[in-house]
Each structure stands twice: as C-alpha cells, then as structure tokens.
C-alpha atoms as a PDB file:
ATOM      1  CA  UNK A   1      80.501 115.681  89.601  1.00  0.00           C
ATOM      2  CA  UNK A   2      84.187 115.502  88.673  1.00  0.00           C
ATOM      3  CA  UNK A   3      85.114 114.624  92.264  1.00  0.00           C
ATOM      4  CA  UNK A   4      82.636 111.718  92.335  1.00  0.00           C
ATOM      5  CA  UNK A   5      83.984 110.433  89.019  1.00  0.00           C
ATOM      6  CA  UNK A   6      87.560 110.651  90.293  1.00  0.00           C
ATOM      7  CA  UNK A   7      86.674 108.789  93.499  1.00  0.00           C
ATOM      8  CA  UNK A   8      84.863 106.004  91.612  1.00  0.00           C
ATOM      9  CA  UNK A   9      87.727 105.700  89.130  1.00  0.00           C
ATOM     10  CA  UNK A  10      90.283 105.496  91.957  1.00  0.00           C
ATOM     11  CA  UNK A  11      88.275 102.837  93.794  1.00  0.00           C
ATOM     12  CA  UNK A  12      87.956 100.828  90.573  1.00  0.00           C
ATOM     13  CA  UNK A  13      91.701 100.973  89.934  1.00  0.00           C
ATOM     14  CA  UNK A  14      92.438  99.905  93.524  1.00  0.00           C
ATOM     15  CA  UNK A  15      89.974  97.003  93.252  1.00  0.00           C
ATOM     16  CA  UNK A  16      91.515  95.804  89.980  1.00  0.00           C
ATOM     17  CA  UNK A  17      94.999  96.142  91.460  1.00  0.00           C
ATOM     18  CA  UNK A  18      93.968  94.050  94.444  1.00  0.00           C
ATOM     19  CA  UNK A  19      92.572  91.335  92.189  1.00  0.00           C
ATOM     20  CA  UNK A  20      95.762  91.269  90.105  1.00  0.00           C
ATOM     21  CA  UNK A  21      97.835  91.015  93.296  1.00  0.00           C
ATOM     22  CA  UNK A  22      95.731  88.106  94.604  1.00  0.00           C
ATOM     23  CA  UNK A  23      95.904  86.254  91.293  1.00  0.00           C
ATOM     24  CA  UNK A  24      99.670  86.693  90.997  1.00  0.00           C
ATOM     25  CA  UNK A  25     100.088  85.389  94.568  1.00  0.00           C
ATOM     26  CA  UNK A  26      98.303  82.178  93.594  1.00  0.00           C
ATOM     27  CA  UNK A  27      95.349  82.702  95.923  1.00  0.00           C
ATOM     28  CA  UNK A  28      91.947  81.398  94.851  1.00  0.00           C
ATOM     29  CA  UNK A  29      89.324  84.000  94.034  1.00  0.00           C
ATOM     30  CA  UNK A  30      87.632  85.040  97.264  1.00  0.00           C
ATOM     31  CA  UNK A  31      90.442  83.490  99.302  1.00  0.00           C
ATOM     32  CA  UNK A  32      89.370  82.608 102.801  1.00  0.00           C
ATOM     33  CA  UNK A  33      92.710  82.900 104.586  1.00  0.00           C
ATOM     34  CA  UNK A  34      94.227  80.150 106.672  1.00  0.00           C
ATOM     35  CA  UNK A  35      92.341  77.139 107.990  1.00  0.00           C
ATOM     36  CA  UNK A  36      90.360  77.585 111.188  1.00  0.00           C
ATOM     37  CA  UNK A  37      91.930  76.285 114.394  1.00  0.00           C
ATOM     38  CA  UNK A  38      89.930  75.459 117.500  1.00  0.00           C
ATOM     39  CA  UNK A  39      91.546  75.833 120.919  1.00  0.00           C
ATOM     40  CA  UNK A  40      90.182  73.680 123.708  1.00  0.00           C
ATOM     41  CA  UNK A  41      90.560  74.077 127.458  1.00  0.00           C
ATOM     42  CA  UNK A  42      94.031  72.875 128.412  1.00  0.00           C
ATOM     43  CA  UNK A  43      95.550  73.187 124.916  1.00  0.00           C
ATOM     44  CA  UNK A  44      99.125  74.431 124.750  1.00  0.00           C
ATOM     45  CA  UNK A  45     101.220  75.523 121.777  1.00  0.00           C
ATOM     46  CA  UNK A  46     103.808  72.875 122.798  1.00  0.00           C
ATOM     47  CA  UNK A  47     103.795  69.095 122.884  1.00  0.00           C
ATOM     48  CA  UNK A  48     103.441  67.535 126.289  1.00  0.00           C
ATOM     49  CA  UNK A  49     102.510  69.124 129.594  1.00  0.00           C
ATOM     50  CA  UNK A  50     104.354  72.447 129.773  1.00  0.00           C
ATOM     51  CA  UNK A  51     103.563  75.784 131.403  1.00  0.00           C
ATOM     52  CA  UNK A  52     101.933  78.555 129.395  1.00  0.00           C
ATOM     53  CA  UNK A  53      98.484  77.216 128.709  1.00  0.00           C
ATOM     54  CA  UNK A  54      96.582  79.192 126.074  1.00  0.00           C
ATOM     55  CA  UNK A  55      93.144  78.362 127.434  1.00  0.00           C
ATOM     56  CA  UNK A  56      91.920  78.265 131.015  1.00  0.00           C
ATOM     57  CA  UNK A  57      88.890  76.548 132.503  1.00  0.00           C
ATOM     58  CA  UNK A  58      85.836  78.804 132.771  1.00  0.00           C
ATOM     59  CA  UNK A  59      85.241  80.272 136.232  1.00  0.00           C
END
C-alpha cells in the first residue's frame, strides 16, 4: 500500500512540475508543438532547383 501511495505521489509531483515548466515557458495549455508542414513531390529545403530533393515521385 505504501509503495502504491509513493508511486502516485511521485507521478503527481512530476505532472505538476511539467505543468509549471510549460506555463513558465509561455506555452499554451495543451500545447500542440510547431505548425504542420506538408512536403510535396519535388519539394526541396532550398529555393530554386538544387540537388537534394526531400521527396521523390512514387514508383
């Protein structure tokens, strides 16, 4: 019984600590991370036509 109580207490403290960290970092509650980015066939991480394409045409 004491072990279960200790585990629940520890998880609660970690959860509260995580919430405090997120709030102090200025993130909204339930932050979703960075915006989604969609890569299309032929997209490159550079401007113009350069080698190193990040997406290839399906076979």
